[in-house]
Protein backbone atom coordinates (compact mmCIF):
# COMPACT_ATOMS: atom_id res chain seq x y z
CA MET A 1 22.93 6.24 18.31
CA ARG A 2 21.23 5.61 14.97
CA PHE A 3 22.73 8.78 13.50
CA LYS A 4 26.26 7.86 14.62
CA THR A 5 25.87 4.34 13.24
CA ALA A 6 24.60 5.62 9.90
CA ILE A 7 27.50 8.10 9.59
CA LEU A 8 30.08 5.43 10.46
CA SER A 9 28.56 3.04 7.96
CA LEU A 10 28.55 5.74 5.28
CA LEU A 11 32.29 6.35 5.85
CA ILE A 12 33.06 2.64 5.72
CA LEU A 13 31.16 2.20 2.47
CA ILE A 14 32.29 5.39 0.76
CA CYS A 15 36.06 5.04 1.36
CA PRO A 16 36.64 2.83 -1.69
CA CYS A 17 34.77 5.28 -3.92
CA ALA A 18 37.83 7.45 -4.48
CA PHE A 19 39.75 4.49 -5.93
CA CYS A 20 37.32 2.65 -8.17
CA TYR A 21 34.15 2.62 -10.20
CA GLY A 22 31.02 1.88 -8.27
CA GLN A 23 27.62 2.82 -7.00
CA LEU A 24 26.68 3.87 -3.49
CA SER A 25 23.06 3.61 -2.38
CA PHE A 26 21.13 4.12 0.84
CA SER A 27 17.45 3.47 1.46
CA GLY A 28 15.32 3.76 4.56
CA VAL A 29 11.78 3.60 5.90
CA ASN A 30 10.09 5.12 8.94
CA GLY A 31 6.67 4.48 10.39
CA GLU A 32 4.46 3.97 13.41
CA ARG A 33 5.88 3.90 16.95
CA GLY A 34 9.30 4.83 15.64
CA TYR A 35 9.77 1.83 13.34
CA SER A 36 12.81 2.48 11.15
CA ALA A 37 15.02 0.53 8.79
CA MET A 38 18.04 1.49 6.72
CA ARG A 39 20.07 -0.37 4.10
CA GLY A 40 23.35 0.82 2.63
CA VAL A 41 25.43 -0.90 -0.06
CA PHE A 42 28.43 0.02 -2.18
CA LYS A 43 28.76 -1.87 -5.48
CA TRP A 44 32.47 -1.93 -6.19
CA ASP A 45 33.32 -2.63 -9.84
CA LEU A 46 36.87 -4.01 -10.01
CA ASP A 47 36.83 -3.68 -13.81
CA ASN A 48 37.99 -7.27 -14.40
CA GLY A 49 34.67 -9.08 -14.32
CA PHE A 50 34.41 -8.98 -10.54
CA VAL A 51 31.92 -6.83 -8.63
CA LEU A 52 31.95 -6.73 -4.81
CA ALA A 53 29.19 -5.20 -2.72
CA PRO A 54 29.77 -4.67 1.03
CA SER A 55 26.61 -3.69 2.88
CA TYR A 56 25.31 -2.54 6.23
CA GLU A 57 21.67 -2.68 7.37
CA TYR A 58 19.75 -2.02 10.55
CA TYR A 59 16.19 -1.77 11.79
CA ARG A 60 14.21 -1.45 14.99
CA MET A 61 10.54 -1.98 15.78
CA SER A 62 10.17 1.00 18.12
CA ASP A 63 11.96 4.05 19.54
CA GLU A 64 10.14 3.92 22.85
CA LYS A 65 12.20 4.98 25.85
CA GLY A 66 14.63 2.35 27.06
CA VAL A 67 14.78 0.19 23.94
CA GLU A 68 17.20 2.19 21.76
CA GLU A 69 20.17 -0.06 22.43
CA THR A 70 18.48 -3.44 22.83
CA GLY A 71 15.84 -2.81 20.18
CA THR A 72 18.18 -2.16 17.25
CA THR A 73 19.27 -5.06 15.03
CA HIS A 74 22.27 -4.78 12.70
CA ARG A 75 23.36 -6.89 9.74
CA TYR A 76 26.63 -6.85 7.78
CA GLY A 77 27.01 -8.44 4.37
CA LEU A 78 29.21 -8.99 1.36
CA ARG A 79 27.96 -9.96 -2.08
CA GLY A 80 30.07 -10.76 -5.11
CA SER A 81 29.65 -11.58 -8.77
CA TYR A 82 31.94 -12.65 -11.59
CA GLU A 83 31.17 -12.26 -15.30
CA TRP A 84 32.11 -15.74 -16.44
CA THR A 85 31.00 -15.21 -20.05
CA ASP A 86 28.92 -12.62 -21.88
CA SER A 87 25.80 -14.60 -20.94
CA TRP A 88 26.63 -16.07 -17.50
CA ILE A 89 27.46 -14.45 -14.16
CA VAL A 90 28.44 -16.36 -11.01
CA LEU A 91 26.88 -15.05 -7.78
CA ALA A 92 27.72 -15.51 -4.08
CA GLY A 93 26.97 -13.72 -0.84
CA VAL A 94 27.06 -13.88 2.95
CA ALA A 95 25.36 -11.85 5.70
CA TRP A 96 26.02 -11.84 9.44
CA GLN A 97 23.55 -10.64 12.05
CA PRO A 98 25.21 -10.34 15.50
CA ARG A 99 23.13 -11.12 18.55
CA ALA A 100 20.53 -8.48 19.38
CA VAL A 101 17.05 -8.55 20.95
CA GLY A 102 17.45 -12.30 21.50
CA TYR A 103 18.45 -13.40 17.98
CA ASN A 104 21.48 -13.88 15.74
CA SER A 105 22.14 -15.52 12.37
CA VAL A 106 24.43 -16.06 9.42
CA ARG A 107 23.20 -16.52 5.84
CA TYR A 108 25.00 -17.46 2.64
CA TYR A 109 24.12 -18.35 -0.94
CA ALA A 110 25.55 -19.17 -4.37
CA GLY A 111 23.93 -18.98 -7.77
CA LEU A 112 24.01 -18.12 -11.46
CA SER A 113 22.59 -15.33 -13.58
CA TRP A 114 21.79 -15.82 -17.28
CA MET A 115 21.43 -13.09 -19.91
CA PRO A 116 20.34 -14.85 -23.14
CA PHE A 117 20.45 -11.81 -25.47
CA TYR A 118 20.78 -8.03 -25.52
CA ARG A 119 17.70 -7.19 -27.62
CA TRP A 120 14.94 -9.15 -29.32
CA ALA A 121 12.00 -7.29 -30.84
CA CYS A 122 10.74 -4.99 -28.06
CA LEU A 123 12.54 -6.91 -25.29
CA LYS A 124 15.88 -5.69 -23.99
CA ASP A 125 18.35 -6.89 -21.36
CA PRO A 126 16.47 -9.95 -20.08
CA GLN A 127 18.11 -11.58 -17.08
CA LEU A 128 17.26 -14.63 -14.99
CA SER A 129 19.06 -15.50 -11.77
CA VAL A 130 18.77 -18.55 -9.51
CA ARG A 131 20.23 -18.77 -6.01
CA VAL A 132 20.38 -21.53 -3.43
CA GLY A 133 21.43 -20.76 0.12
CA GLN A 134 21.08 -21.48 3.79
CA GLY A 135 20.29 -19.42 6.84
CA ARG A 136 21.45 -20.57 10.29
CA SER A 137 19.79 -18.75 13.16
CA LYS A 138 19.48 -18.91 16.93
CA THR A 139 16.52 -17.68 18.95
CA TYR A 140 17.00 -16.99 22.67
CA VAL A 141 13.56 -15.56 23.55
CA ASN A 142 9.92 -16.34 22.79
CA THR A 143 7.47 -13.96 21.12
CA SER A 144 6.74 -12.36 24.52
CA GLY A 145 10.42 -11.54 25.07
CA GLU A 146 10.93 -14.17 27.78
CA ARG A 147 14.20 -16.09 27.71
CA LEU A 148 13.92 -19.66 26.40
CA LYS A 149 15.14 -22.51 28.56
CA HIS A 150 16.84 -24.05 25.51
CA ILE A 151 18.13 -22.06 22.52
CA PHE A 152 16.03 -22.67 19.40
CA LYS A 153 18.35 -23.37 16.45
CA GLU A 154 17.02 -23.28 12.91
CA THR A 155 18.62 -24.00 9.53
CA GLU A 156 16.57 -23.15 6.48
CA THR A 157 17.51 -24.08 2.93
CA LYS A 158 16.10 -21.60 0.44
CA LEU A 159 15.68 -21.33 -3.33
CA GLN A 160 15.29 -17.89 -4.89
CA THR A 161 14.72 -16.88 -8.50
CA GLU A 162 14.52 -13.41 -10.00
CA ALA A 163 13.84 -12.22 -13.55
CA THR A 164 13.93 -8.79 -15.15
CA VAL A 165 13.39 -7.38 -18.64
CA ASP A 166 12.96 -3.97 -20.30
CA VAL A 167 10.01 -3.50 -22.65
CA GLY A 168 10.49 -0.06 -24.17
CA PRO A 169 10.54 2.40 -21.24
CA TRP A 170 8.99 -0.21 -18.93
CA ASN A 171 11.04 -2.38 -16.62
CA ILE A 172 9.40 -5.50 -15.22
CA LYS A 173 10.87 -7.55 -12.38
CA GLY A 174 9.61 -10.71 -10.77
CA SER A 175 10.90 -12.61 -7.76
CA TRP A 176 9.98 -15.90 -6.08
CA GLN A 177 11.59 -17.46 -3.03
CA LYS A 178 10.74 -20.60 -1.10
CA VAL A 179 12.18 -22.42 1.88
CA LEU A 180 12.85 -25.96 0.68
CA GLN A 181 13.51 -27.35 4.14
CA TYR A 182 13.54 -26.35 7.79
CA SER A 183 15.84 -28.33 10.08
CA SER A 184 13.28 -27.88 12.89
CA PRO A 185 9.57 -27.11 12.48
CA PRO A 186 9.01 -23.43 13.45
CA GLN A 187 7.11 -23.19 16.73
CA PRO A 188 4.06 -20.94 17.28
CA ASN A 189 5.65 -19.08 20.22
CA ILE A 190 9.08 -18.70 18.58
CA SER A 191 9.85 -16.10 15.92
CA PHE A 192 12.89 -14.55 14.29
CA SER A 193 13.90 -10.91 14.13
CA TRP A 194 14.91 -10.49 10.48
CA ALA A 195 13.14 -11.63 7.32
CA ASP A 196 13.43 -9.98 3.90
CA ILE A 197 10.63 -9.68 1.38
CA PRO A 198 11.43 -8.85 -2.26
CA PHE A 199 11.59 -5.23 -3.44
CA MET A 200 10.93 -3.83 0.05
CA THR A 201 13.33 -1.84 2.22
CA ALA A 202 11.41 -2.75 5.37
CA VAL A 203 12.21 -5.80 7.50
CA VAL A 204 9.56 -8.17 8.88
CA GLN A 205 9.69 -10.57 11.81
CA GLY A 206 9.05 -14.29 11.61
CA PHE A 207 10.00 -17.37 9.59
CA LEU A 208 8.91 -16.91 5.97
CA ARG A 209 8.07 -20.04 4.00
CA GLU A 210 7.43 -18.43 0.62
CA ALA A 211 7.23 -15.05 -1.11
CA ALA A 212 6.36 -13.92 -4.65
CA ALA A 213 6.65 -10.37 -5.95
CA LEU A 214 6.17 -8.26 -9.07
CA ARG A 215 7.65 -4.79 -9.61
CA VAL A 216 6.91 -2.44 -12.53
CA SER A 217 8.58 0.90 -13.30
CA TYR A 218 8.41 3.39 -16.17
CA LYS A 219 11.64 5.23 -16.90
CA THR A 220 11.92 8.69 -18.42
CA GLN A 221 14.87 11.06 -18.55
CA PHE A 222 14.17 12.68 -15.19
CA ILE A 223 11.63 10.57 -13.28
CA THR A 224 10.77 6.89 -12.86
CA PRO A 225 7.53 5.96 -11.08
CA TYR A 226 7.42 2.42 -9.70
CA ALA A 227 5.08 0.05 -7.86
CA SER A 228 5.43 -3.43 -6.34
CA LEU A 229 3.10 -6.12 -5.07
CA VAL A 230 4.30 -8.91 -2.77
CA ARG A 231 2.51 -11.93 -1.32
CA TYR A 232 4.36 -13.80 1.41
CA GLN A 233 3.58 -16.68 3.71
CA TYR A 234 4.70 -16.98 7.32
CA ALA A 235 5.60 -20.55 8.27
CA GLN A 236 2.95 -20.75 11.02
CA ALA A 237 0.21 -18.76 9.23
CA SER A 238 -2.77 -20.33 7.49
CA SER A 239 -3.15 -17.52 4.94
CA PRO A 240 -0.66 -15.32 3.08
CA ALA A 241 0.11 -11.69 3.87
CA ALA A 242 0.37 -8.90 1.30
CA ALA A 243 2.69 -5.93 0.93
CA VAL A 244 2.75 -3.09 -1.58
CA ASN A 245 4.99 -0.15 -2.26
CA ALA A 246 4.94 2.73 -4.72
CA GLY A 247 6.99 5.83 -5.28
CA LEU A 248 9.04 7.96 -7.61
CA HIS A 249 12.73 8.01 -8.58
CA ILE A 250 14.09 11.44 -9.53
CA HIS A 251 17.25 11.40 -11.68
CA TRP A 252 19.74 14.25 -11.40
CA GLY A 253 23.05 13.68 -13.16
CA GLU A 254 24.72 10.66 -11.53
CA THR A 255 22.41 10.82 -8.50
CA THR A 256 18.96 9.30 -8.04
CA LEU A 257 16.64 10.36 -5.20
CA SER A 258 13.50 8.39 -4.32
CA GLY A 259 10.45 8.78 -2.15
CA GLY A 260 7.50 6.48 -1.58
CA VAL A 261 5.35 4.44 0.77
CA GLU A 262 5.49 0.80 1.88
CA VAL A 263 2.49 -1.04 3.33
CA PHE A 264 3.11 -4.41 5.01
CA GLU A 265 2.60 -6.54 8.13
CA PRO A 266 5.71 -6.20 10.36
CA ARG A 267 4.81 -9.31 12.38
CA ARG A 268 2.65 -12.36 11.69
CA GLU A 269 -0.02 -11.30 14.18
CA MET A 270 -0.15 -7.63 13.09
CA ASN A 271 -2.42 -5.86 10.62
CA ARG A 272 -0.91 -4.01 7.67
CA LYS A 273 0.67 -0.64 8.47
CA THR A 274 1.93 2.21 6.30
CA PHE A 275 5.56 3.37 6.26
CA PHE A 276 7.31 6.15 4.36
CA SER A 277 10.50 5.40 2.44
CA MET A 278 13.36 7.48 1.04
CA SER A 279 16.53 6.51 -0.79
CA VAL A 280 19.58 7.98 -2.52
CA GLU A 281 21.84 6.40 -5.13
CA ILE A 282 25.13 7.86 -6.39
CA GLU A 283 27.27 6.69 -9.31
CA PHE A 284 31.08 7.02 -9.19
CA ASP A 285 32.93 7.07 -12.53
């Protein structure tokens, strides 16, 4: 089932490639008890200031017998940007997660990206983006998988900022996101199936209140090693969790292949576990 879904998604994303400029990328992780996640996105450059990026993502916590269908969660998204001026870009996006394993949601955001200059001393291509969005979710089961008597509905309003700059061959990225408001206080026995943490392919479960991350990479002609550190806070946790990843990008013509590891806590009550990641990125001219 996963293989068929991945192939179908690849065809859906790659069809526009023959007609336009763009970039196709896939990334995935695999780990203990059959945990797997995959993200695919095609950045479609319309060559008039607009860039569209349809995406497909899925993950599942386990491949144990009998949970293949009900244990897989899918998400479909569309992001867009418009180069308003040489220094300002307008951003917007939406993502839809159909009901699976007792959860569903829709998320959307709008924001701006600012590029103050091209080069200053040893700094090159600095960029700062700010996004504000909401996520509306429904939870039908508790953390034990038992059906809730009343559906738990949650609306979270989130602020996210991200900055990046090149310093010689080094690229430095930072990200910070925080939930400004929950419509309902998250309950101890109620979770959510899909939460993103910056710079990680993997998906975690639970309501995240805050996350901060730093990523550093060193680019050469053929290889780019990278490493990230993330600290994130579950809404019902008294202390933050940590995640790290590290790996290597290998550049070959217009294609980039990557391999690495990701270490994180999949659920609030779990200890950190190690997962192996791979990705591929292809440029279309």
